[in-house]
């Protein structure tokens, strides 16, 4: 088959779509496609927001391709898992916000992929979970860490230990997703949010994303120092001058990403 990952554009917004029927399984081709897509987007200075979603209405990513598991051996499993971890960290640290539009099942590696998105919006039909222990393994692409950082630890343990699937409304209640919408409205809502973000100063948003990301890895003192540096870096931009002038003169700013 061809590349199961495609990229389309709507103004400043890039839409990355995983299309690997029937359930958009996270196989080697999808991982390679995501590496290529985000690698190319990193060099595109016109992109201000990325929406990541799955094709069709069944699955965002329904998990790893179990048919590939027999090829995972004692000799290569560390390398395979490590490559997936590096990809997900690359997406998590991508320069612009990434919105996950969870249009269906997000299980195993699919939920782990959703967890690296800055904001997650879900279809009412979405189901999420980390069912790896039911296969005798554990989440291998960062799920044990990111799920526990994204929702209350007890809820994360319950999901992981029980291998249960969580419905969209429950995911919203525990903070796993930031919005739940009718299936036919999901992409419109994701696009509306993306446009709202893209209307702001790009460098300001990028520095804000970086500063918020420090919460996971730094002490509060280190994080505050990083925020101070981000404040300085944004105050010396042309977009800051434009934003302030537009506010004072009651007009829409024209940000140039510089």
Protein backbone atom coordinates (compact mmCIF):
# COMPACT_ATOMS: atom_id res chain seq x y z
CA UNK A 1 0.00 0.00 0.00
CA UNK A 2 0.99 3.64 -0.32
CA UNK A 3 1.82 6.00 2.51
CA UNK A 4 -0.91 5.58 5.15
CA UNK A 5 -0.26 9.07 6.53
CA UNK A 6 -1.34 12.13 4.56
CA UNK A 7 -1.01 15.86 5.19
CA UNK A 8 -3.44 18.51 3.95
CA UNK A 9 -3.61 22.22 4.66
CA UNK A 10 -6.21 24.84 5.48
CA UNK A 11 -4.44 28.17 5.77
CA UNK A 12 -2.05 28.02 8.71
CA UNK A 13 -3.42 24.63 9.81
CA UNK A 14 -2.01 21.23 8.82
CA UNK A 15 -4.25 18.16 9.05
CA UNK A 16 -2.36 14.89 9.48
CA UNK A 17 -4.58 11.89 8.76
CA UNK A 18 -3.80 8.24 9.47
CA UNK A 19 -5.49 6.05 6.86
CA UNK A 20 -4.70 2.38 7.44
CA UNK A 21 -7.97 0.47 7.07
CA UNK A 22 -9.87 -1.07 8.57
CA UNK A 23 -8.92 0.31 12.02
CA UNK A 24 -5.89 2.53 11.39
CA UNK A 25 -3.55 0.14 13.19
CA UNK A 26 -0.22 1.58 14.28
CA UNK A 27 2.10 -0.56 12.19
CA UNK A 28 5.60 0.07 10.85
CA UNK A 29 4.28 1.91 7.79
CA UNK A 30 2.20 4.29 9.93
CA UNK A 31 5.13 5.00 12.23
CA UNK A 32 7.35 5.71 9.24
CA UNK A 33 4.65 7.92 7.75
CA UNK A 34 4.28 9.93 10.95
CA UNK A 35 8.04 10.43 11.15
CA UNK A 36 8.02 11.75 7.57
CA UNK A 37 4.96 13.96 8.06
CA UNK A 38 6.12 15.69 11.22
CA UNK A 39 9.68 15.93 9.92
CA UNK A 40 8.42 17.85 6.89
CA UNK A 41 6.10 20.03 8.97
CA UNK A 42 8.97 21.00 11.27
CA UNK A 43 10.53 22.85 8.34
CA UNK A 44 7.28 24.57 7.32
CA UNK A 45 7.15 27.98 8.98
CA UNK A 46 3.65 28.66 7.66
CA UNK A 47 2.10 25.98 9.89
CA UNK A 48 0.80 27.28 13.22
CA UNK A 49 -1.38 24.37 14.38
CA UNK A 50 -1.57 20.66 13.54
CA UNK A 51 -4.70 18.51 13.75
CA UNK A 52 -3.99 14.78 14.05
CA UNK A 53 -6.85 12.38 13.29
CA UNK A 54 -7.78 9.03 11.81
CA UNK A 55 -9.57 8.37 8.53
CA UNK A 56 -13.14 7.09 8.64
CA UNK A 57 -15.45 6.97 11.64
CA UNK A 58 -14.31 3.76 13.34
CA UNK A 59 -10.89 4.52 14.75
CA UNK A 60 -8.37 7.22 15.53
CA UNK A 61 -5.79 4.47 15.93
CA UNK A 62 -7.15 1.19 17.29
CA UNK A 63 -3.75 0.13 18.59
CA UNK A 64 -0.64 -1.62 17.40
CA UNK A 65 -0.90 -4.12 14.57
CA UNK A 66 -1.09 -7.36 16.54
CA UNK A 67 -0.17 -9.29 13.39
CA UNK A 68 3.30 -7.75 13.67
CA UNK A 69 3.80 -9.03 17.23
CA UNK A 70 5.22 -12.43 16.18
CA UNK A 71 8.07 -10.47 14.59
CA UNK A 72 8.88 -8.83 17.92
CA UNK A 73 11.59 -10.87 19.62
CA UNK A 74 13.83 -10.73 22.64
CA UNK A 75 16.49 -9.28 20.35
CA UNK A 76 14.51 -6.45 18.73
CA UNK A 77 11.66 -5.50 21.06
CA UNK A 78 13.69 -2.79 22.83
CA UNK A 79 14.62 -1.18 19.52
CA UNK A 80 11.05 -1.31 18.19
CA UNK A 81 9.58 0.20 21.35
CA UNK A 82 12.32 2.81 21.56
CA UNK A 83 11.65 3.95 18.00
CA UNK A 84 7.98 4.43 18.81
CA UNK A 85 8.85 6.31 21.98
CA UNK A 86 11.13 8.66 20.03
CA UNK A 87 8.39 9.35 17.48
CA UNK A 88 5.83 10.15 20.15
CA UNK A 89 8.27 12.43 21.97
CA UNK A 90 8.98 14.20 18.66
CA UNK A 91 5.24 14.88 18.24
CA UNK A 92 4.87 15.90 21.89
CA UNK A 93 7.71 18.41 21.48
CA UNK A 94 6.58 19.62 18.04
CA UNK A 95 6.99 23.38 17.76
CA UNK A 96 3.28 24.17 17.32
CA UNK A 97 0.23 22.94 19.23
CA UNK A 98 -1.09 19.57 18.08
CA UNK A 99 -4.82 18.91 18.45
CA UNK A 100 -5.87 15.27 18.56
CA UNK A 101 -9.29 14.74 16.95
CA UNK A 102 -10.20 11.31 18.33
CA UNK A 103 -12.82 10.08 15.90
CA UNK A 104 -13.22 6.52 17.20
CA UNK A 105 -11.22 3.87 19.01
CA UNK A 106 -7.95 5.05 20.55
CA UNK A 107 -6.52 1.94 22.17
CA UNK A 108 -3.01 0.97 23.18
CA UNK A 109 -0.61 2.82 20.93
CA UNK A 110 -3.56 4.84 19.67
CA UNK A 111 -4.24 6.33 23.10
CA UNK A 112 -0.50 6.76 23.62
CA UNK A 113 -0.45 8.76 20.38
CA UNK A 114 -3.40 10.86 21.53
CA UNK A 115 -1.63 11.54 24.83
CA UNK A 116 1.21 13.36 23.07
CA UNK A 117 -1.25 15.85 21.57
CA UNK A 118 -1.53 19.18 23.39
CA UNK A 119 -5.33 19.13 23.31
CA UNK A 120 -7.64 16.17 22.75
CA UNK A 121 -11.16 16.46 21.35
CA UNK A 122 -13.28 13.32 21.01
CA UNK A 123 -16.25 12.04 19.09
CA UNK A 124 -19.13 10.76 21.18
CA UNK A 125 -18.34 7.37 19.62
CA UNK A 126 -14.72 7.38 20.81
CA UNK A 127 -13.45 4.70 23.16
CA UNK A 128 -10.06 4.95 24.86
CA UNK A 129 -7.91 2.53 26.78
CA UNK A 130 -4.56 0.87 27.36
CA UNK A 131 -5.44 -2.84 27.16
CA UNK A 132 -1.89 -4.17 26.92
CA UNK A 133 -1.99 -6.16 30.17
CA UNK A 134 -4.76 -8.29 28.66
CA UNK A 135 -2.14 -9.43 26.13
CA UNK A 136 0.46 -10.08 28.80
CA UNK A 137 2.50 -6.94 28.06
CA UNK A 138 2.54 -3.29 29.17
CA UNK A 139 2.09 -0.02 27.27
CA UNK A 140 5.37 0.51 25.45
CA UNK A 141 5.15 3.95 23.84
CA UNK A 142 5.04 6.08 26.98
CA UNK A 143 1.48 5.34 28.07
CA UNK A 144 2.33 4.41 31.66
CA UNK A 145 3.98 7.80 32.12
CA UNK A 146 1.81 10.18 30.11
CA UNK A 147 -1.56 8.81 31.21
CA UNK A 148 -0.58 9.23 34.86
CA UNK A 149 0.52 12.81 34.08
CA UNK A 150 -2.70 13.63 32.22
CA UNK A 151 -5.38 12.35 34.61
CA UNK A 152 -5.50 11.52 38.34
CA UNK A 153 -3.03 8.75 39.10
CA UNK A 154 -5.73 6.50 40.53
CA UNK A 155 -7.75 6.78 37.33
CA UNK A 156 -4.65 5.98 35.28
CA UNK A 157 -3.92 2.90 37.38
CA UNK A 158 -7.52 1.75 37.07
CA UNK A 159 -7.43 2.06 33.28
CA UNK A 160 -4.06 0.34 32.91
CA UNK A 161 -4.55 -2.46 35.45
CA UNK A 162 -8.09 -3.32 34.30
CA UNK A 163 -7.45 -2.88 30.55
CA UNK A 164 -10.90 -1.28 30.41
CA UNK A 165 -12.15 0.94 27.59
CA UNK A 166 -13.35 4.39 28.66
CA UNK A 167 -16.22 6.07 26.86
CA UNK A 168 -15.88 9.65 25.65
CA UNK A 169 -18.07 11.18 28.36
CA UNK A 170 -16.07 9.47 31.10
CA UNK A 171 -12.82 10.54 29.42
CA UNK A 172 -14.06 14.13 29.60
CA UNK A 173 -15.00 13.78 33.27
CA UNK A 174 -11.48 12.69 34.24
CA UNK A 175 -9.73 15.26 32.03
CA UNK A 176 -8.45 12.83 29.42
CA UNK A 177 -10.14 14.85 26.67
CA UNK A 178 -11.05 18.53 26.60
CA UNK A 179 -14.26 18.27 24.60
CA UNK A 180 -16.77 15.72 23.29
CA UNK A 181 -18.79 16.30 20.13
CA UNK A 182 -21.16 14.56 17.75
CA UNK A 183 -19.16 12.55 15.20
CA UNK A 184 -20.17 14.80 12.32
CA UNK A 185 -19.12 17.92 14.27
CA UNK A 186 -15.74 16.75 15.55
CA UNK A 187 -13.53 18.03 12.74
CA UNK A 188 -15.43 21.32 12.55
CA UNK A 189 -14.84 21.85 16.27
CA UNK A 190 -11.17 20.89 15.95
CA UNK A 191 -10.78 23.28 13.03
CA UNK A 192 -12.53 26.10 14.91
CA UNK A 193 -10.16 25.68 17.85
CA UNK A 194 -7.16 25.45 15.53
CA UNK A 195 -8.16 28.69 13.81
CA UNK A 196 -8.58 30.40 17.18
CA UNK A 197 -5.05 29.34 18.16
CA UNK A 198 -3.61 30.20 14.74
CA UNK A 199 -4.99 33.74 15.01
CA UNK A 200 -2.60 34.45 17.88
CA UNK A 201 1.07 35.40 17.61
CA UNK A 202 2.84 32.21 16.43
CA UNK A 203 6.04 32.78 18.39
CA UNK A 204 4.03 33.59 21.50
CA UNK A 205 2.10 30.33 21.21
CA UNK A 206 5.27 28.34 20.54
CA UNK A 207 7.07 29.79 23.55
CA UNK A 208 3.97 29.25 25.71
CA UNK A 209 3.81 25.60 24.63
CA UNK A 210 7.46 25.13 25.49
CA UNK A 211 7.01 26.76 28.91
CA UNK A 212 3.94 24.68 29.77
CA UNK A 213 5.84 21.56 28.71
CA UNK A 214 8.48 22.25 31.33
CA UNK A 215 5.92 21.42 34.04
CA UNK A 216 6.57 17.73 33.46
CA UNK A 217 10.34 17.83 33.71
CA UNK A 218 11.45 20.79 35.81
CA UNK A 219 11.12 22.04 39.35
CA UNK A 220 8.86 25.06 39.84
CA UNK A 221 11.96 27.26 40.11
CA UNK A 222 13.38 25.93 36.84
CA UNK A 223 10.00 26.28 35.17
CA UNK A 224 9.65 29.90 36.30
CA UNK A 225 13.12 30.65 34.95
CA UNK A 226 12.12 29.11 31.63
CA UNK A 227 8.94 31.18 31.60
CA UNK A 228 10.99 34.32 32.25
CA UNK A 229 13.19 33.52 29.26
CA UNK A 230 10.11 32.91 27.11
CA UNK A 231 8.73 36.28 28.19
CA UNK A 232 11.93 37.99 27.10
CA UNK A 233 12.08 36.15 23.77
CA UNK A 234 8.51 37.12 22.88
CA UNK A 235 8.80 40.74 24.02
CA UNK A 236 11.56 41.40 21.47
CA UNK A 237 9.55 40.14 18.48
CA UNK A 238 7.87 42.15 15.73
CA UNK A 239 4.66 40.25 16.45
CA UNK A 240 4.63 41.66 19.99
CA UNK A 241 4.80 45.19 18.61
CA UNK A 242 2.03 44.35 16.12
CA UNK A 243 -0.16 42.72 18.77
CA UNK A 244 0.06 45.64 21.19
CA UNK A 245 -0.54 48.21 18.45
CA UNK A 246 -3.55 46.26 17.16
CA UNK A 247 -5.02 46.08 20.66
CA UNK A 248 -4.56 49.80 21.28
CA UNK A 249 -6.03 50.73 17.91
CA UNK A 250 -8.86 48.18 18.10
CA UNK A 251 -7.96 46.28 14.93
CA UNK A 252 -7.18 42.68 14.03
CA UNK A 253 -3.44 41.96 14.31
CA UNK A 254 -1.48 40.76 11.28
CA UNK A 255 1.12 38.44 12.76
CA UNK A 256 4.18 37.55 10.66
CA UNK A 257 5.81 34.86 12.83
CA UNK A 258 8.84 37.00 13.54
